[in-house]
Structure formats: C-alpha cells, structure tokens
Amino acid sequence: MDTKMERSFPSPLIAKAYDYYLKGLTAKETAKLLDISPRTVQRYIKAYGFEERAVPATIRQRVIQLHAQGFSLREIADIIQKSRTTVYKYLKAEKQKVG
C-alpha cells in the first residue's frame, strides 16, 4: 500500500481496511485480519466512503460485470486471479441479493 493512500485516511488501520475492501474481502474477513470487530469495519466503510472511493470497482463488482458480459467462471477466475470457487461464491451471493 502506498503512503499516499495512508495519508488520505486518519489512521493506517483504516487505510488497511480500505485496501482489503478493494481486494473484495467482506467486513468479517477484514475484521479477522485486522483483529477488530466486523461492525467497526462496516462503520469505516460508511464513514470514509469506501464505495465512492473504490474506482476501479471491487473484485466482487468486477466479477459481476464480467459475468454479465458473458465470460465463464474459469475465464473470470483467470482475469481476476482468484479461484473459480471464489468467483462462484460472489455470483451466488449476488443472485441471492437480487432474487
């Protein structure tokens, strides 16, 4: 993580949480890595506008976008350099959220 990003947040912990957010980790996963509560991570996401800052899109959003464009699970996994299982879980979670 570059120092410019660290300076844009009030603490290195929040900057690290943002870095994990960009990588597509959930609040629970991020909390476990940072040894804080998931609710604290959720507060960081809301208070510091992680969603608005996340350009380019998070990995999860990128998976959904690629799937909508017709890429297969294997192709998406190769593009984002994650496992097919991870891609499947992202798409399954999105399907449950929509339907």
C-alpha atoms as a PDB file:
ATOM      1  CA  MET A   1       0.000   0.000   0.000  1.00  0.00           C
ATOM      2  CA  ASP A   2       1.384   3.392  -0.906  1.00  0.00           C
ATOM      3  CA  THR A   3       1.900   6.162   1.600  1.00  0.00           C
ATOM      4  CA  LYS A   4      -0.389   8.477  -0.385  1.00  0.00           C
ATOM      5  CA  MET A   5      -3.355   6.220   0.423  1.00  0.00           C
ATOM      6  CA  GLU A   6      -2.308   6.013   4.068  1.00  0.00           C
ATOM      7  CA  ARG A   7      -2.254   9.820   4.249  1.00  0.00           C
ATOM      8  CA  SER A   8      -5.784  10.046   2.876  1.00  0.00           C
ATOM      9  CA  PHE A   9      -7.148   8.268   5.965  1.00  0.00           C
ATOM     10  CA  PRO A  10      -6.794   9.301   9.620  1.00  0.00           C
ATOM     11  CA  SER A  11      -5.085   6.042  10.604  1.00  0.00           C
ATOM     12  CA  PRO A  12      -3.092   3.236   8.967  1.00  0.00           C
ATOM     13  CA  LEU A  13      -5.705   0.761  10.232  1.00  0.00           C
ATOM     14  CA  ILE A  14      -8.448   2.427   8.194  1.00  0.00           C
ATOM     15  CA  ALA A  15      -6.145   2.559   5.164  1.00  0.00           C
ATOM     16  CA  LYS A  16      -5.501  -1.174   5.510  1.00  0.00           C
ATOM     17  CA  ALA A  17      -9.251  -1.843   5.830  1.00  0.00           C
ATOM     18  CA  TYR A  18      -9.773   0.122   2.608  1.00  0.00           C
ATOM     19  CA  ASP A  19      -7.044  -1.897   0.902  1.00  0.00           C
ATOM     20  CA  TYR A  20      -8.814  -5.132   1.872  1.00  0.00           C
ATOM     21  CA  TYR A  21     -12.119  -3.640   0.711  1.00  0.00           C
ATOM     22  CA  LEU A  22     -10.609  -3.001  -2.718  1.00  0.00           C
ATOM     23  CA  LYS A  23      -9.481  -6.608  -2.850  1.00  0.00           C
ATOM     24  CA  GLY A  24     -13.077  -7.697  -2.324  1.00  0.00           C
ATOM     25  CA  LEU A  25     -12.895  -9.019   1.224  1.00  0.00           C
ATOM     26  CA  THR A  26     -16.021  -8.913   3.344  1.00  0.00           C
ATOM     27  CA  ALA A  27     -16.253  -6.926   6.568  1.00  0.00           C
ATOM     28  CA  LYS A  28     -15.984 -10.165   8.532  1.00  0.00           C
ATOM     29  CA  GLU A  29     -12.855 -11.280   6.656  1.00  0.00           C
ATOM     30  CA  THR A  30     -11.273  -7.844   7.017  1.00  0.00           C
ATOM     31  CA  ALA A  31     -12.100  -7.728  10.712  1.00  0.00           C
ATOM     32  CA  LYS A  32     -10.426 -11.060  11.304  1.00  0.00           C
ATOM     33  CA  LEU A  33      -7.262  -9.952   9.516  1.00  0.00           C
ATOM     34  CA  LEU A  34      -7.119  -6.639  11.392  1.00  0.00           C
ATOM     35  CA  ASP A  35      -8.223  -8.077  14.748  1.00  0.00           C
ATOM     36  CA  ILE A  36     -11.188  -5.692  15.097  1.00  0.00           C
ATOM     37  CA  SER A  37     -14.936  -6.231  15.052  1.00  0.00           C
ATOM     38  CA  PRO A  38     -16.834  -6.601  11.763  1.00  0.00           C
ATOM     39  CA  ARG A  39     -19.115  -3.759  12.851  1.00  0.00           C
ATOM     40  CA  THR A  40     -16.092  -1.451  13.121  1.00  0.00           C
ATOM     41  CA  VAL A  41     -15.146  -2.331   9.555  1.00  0.00           C
ATOM     42  CA  GLN A  42     -18.721  -1.598   8.443  1.00  0.00           C
ATOM     43  CA  ARG A  43     -18.513   1.789  10.159  1.00  0.00           C
ATOM     44  CA  TYR A  44     -15.240   2.553   8.354  1.00  0.00           C
ATOM     45  CA  ILE A  45     -16.844   1.632   5.024  1.00  0.00           C
ATOM     46  CA  LYS A  46     -19.720   4.025   5.627  1.00  0.00           C
ATOM     47  CA  ALA A  47     -17.859   6.849   7.377  1.00  0.00           C
ATOM     48  CA  TYR A  48     -14.956   7.074   4.931  1.00  0.00           C
ATOM     49  CA  GLY A  49     -16.939   6.402   1.752  1.00  0.00           C
ATOM     50  CA  PHE A  50     -15.096   3.269   0.652  1.00  0.00           C
ATOM     51  CA  GLU A  51     -17.729   2.581  -2.021  1.00  0.00           C
ATOM     52  CA  GLU A  52     -17.333   6.031  -3.565  1.00  0.00           C
ATOM     53  CA  ARG A  53     -13.542   5.836  -3.453  1.00  0.00           C
ATOM     54  CA  ALA A  54     -13.431   2.358  -4.988  1.00  0.00           C
ATOM     55  CA  VAL A  55     -12.518   3.174  -8.557  1.00  0.00           C
ATOM     56  CA  PRO A  56     -11.771   0.818 -10.207  1.00  0.00           C
ATOM     57  CA  ALA A  57     -14.519  -1.442  -8.893  1.00  0.00           C
ATOM     58  CA  THR A  58     -14.006  -4.032  -6.187  1.00  0.00           C
ATOM     59  CA  ILE A  59     -13.253  -7.565  -7.241  1.00  0.00           C
ATOM     60  CA  ARG A  60     -16.815  -8.613  -6.433  1.00  0.00           C
ATOM     61  CA  GLN A  61     -18.224  -5.891  -8.682  1.00  0.00           C
ATOM     62  CA  ARG A  62     -15.749  -6.796 -11.403  1.00  0.00           C
ATOM     63  CA  VAL A  63     -16.849 -10.468 -11.239  1.00  0.00           C
ATOM     64  CA  ILE A  64     -20.496  -9.459 -11.661  1.00  0.00           C
ATOM     65  CA  GLN A  65     -19.605  -7.152 -14.544  1.00  0.00           C
ATOM     66  CA  LEU A  66     -17.559  -9.832 -16.352  1.00  0.00           C
ATOM     67  CA  HIS A  67     -20.295 -12.430 -15.853  1.00  0.00           C
ATOM     68  CA  ALA A  68     -22.856 -10.046 -17.333  1.00  0.00           C
ATOM     69  CA  GLN A  69     -20.574  -9.684 -20.357  1.00  0.00           C
ATOM     70  CA  GLY A  70     -20.723 -13.457 -20.896  1.00  0.00           C
ATOM     71  CA  PHE A  71     -17.396 -14.658 -19.508  1.00  0.00           C
ATOM     72  CA  SER A  72     -17.280 -18.148 -17.993  1.00  0.00           C
ATOM     73  CA  LEU A  73     -16.337 -18.803 -14.350  1.00  0.00           C
ATOM     74  CA  ARG A  74     -12.928 -20.084 -15.433  1.00  0.00           C
ATOM     75  CA  GLU A  75     -12.266 -17.028 -17.617  1.00  0.00           C
ATOM     76  CA  ILE A  76     -13.315 -14.671 -14.825  1.00  0.00           C
ATOM     77  CA  ALA A  77     -11.108 -16.511 -12.333  1.00  0.00           C
ATOM     78  CA  ASP A  78      -8.133 -16.141 -14.677  1.00  0.00           C
ATOM     79  CA  ILE A  79      -8.817 -12.440 -15.232  1.00  0.00           C
ATOM     80  CA  ILE A  80      -9.116 -11.527 -11.562  1.00  0.00           C
ATOM     81  CA  GLN A  81      -6.547 -14.099 -10.411  1.00  0.00           C
ATOM     82  CA  LYS A  82      -8.828 -15.792  -7.913  1.00  0.00           C
ATOM     83  CA  SER A  83     -10.166 -19.340  -7.706  1.00  0.00           C
ATOM     84  CA  ARG A  84     -13.280 -20.487  -9.535  1.00  0.00           C
ATOM     85  CA  THR A  85     -14.814 -21.190  -6.131  1.00  0.00           C
ATOM     86  CA  THR A  86     -14.385 -17.543  -5.149  1.00  0.00           C
ATOM     87  CA  VAL A  87     -15.974 -16.401  -8.406  1.00  0.00           C
ATOM     88  CA  TYR A  88     -18.863 -18.833  -7.861  1.00  0.00           C
ATOM     89  CA  LYS A  89     -19.435 -17.554  -4.310  1.00  0.00           C
ATOM     90  CA  TYR A  90     -19.507 -13.918  -5.457  1.00  0.00           C
ATOM     91  CA  LEU A  91     -22.059 -14.716  -8.161  1.00  0.00           C
ATOM     92  CA  LYS A  92     -24.151 -16.856  -5.803  1.00  0.00           C
ATOM     93  CA  ALA A  93     -24.243 -14.057  -3.201  1.00  0.00           C
ATOM     94  CA  GLU A  94     -25.287 -11.547  -5.866  1.00  0.00           C
ATOM     95  CA  LYS A  95     -28.026 -13.855  -7.126  1.00  0.00           C
ATOM     96  CA  GLN A  96     -29.394 -14.254  -3.569  1.00  0.00           C
ATOM     97  CA  LYS A  97     -29.268 -10.492  -3.039  1.00  0.00           C
ATOM     98  CA  VAL A  98     -31.188  -9.800  -6.258  1.00  0.00           C
ATOM     99  CA  GLY A  99     -33.648 -12.685  -6.118  1.00  0.00           C
END
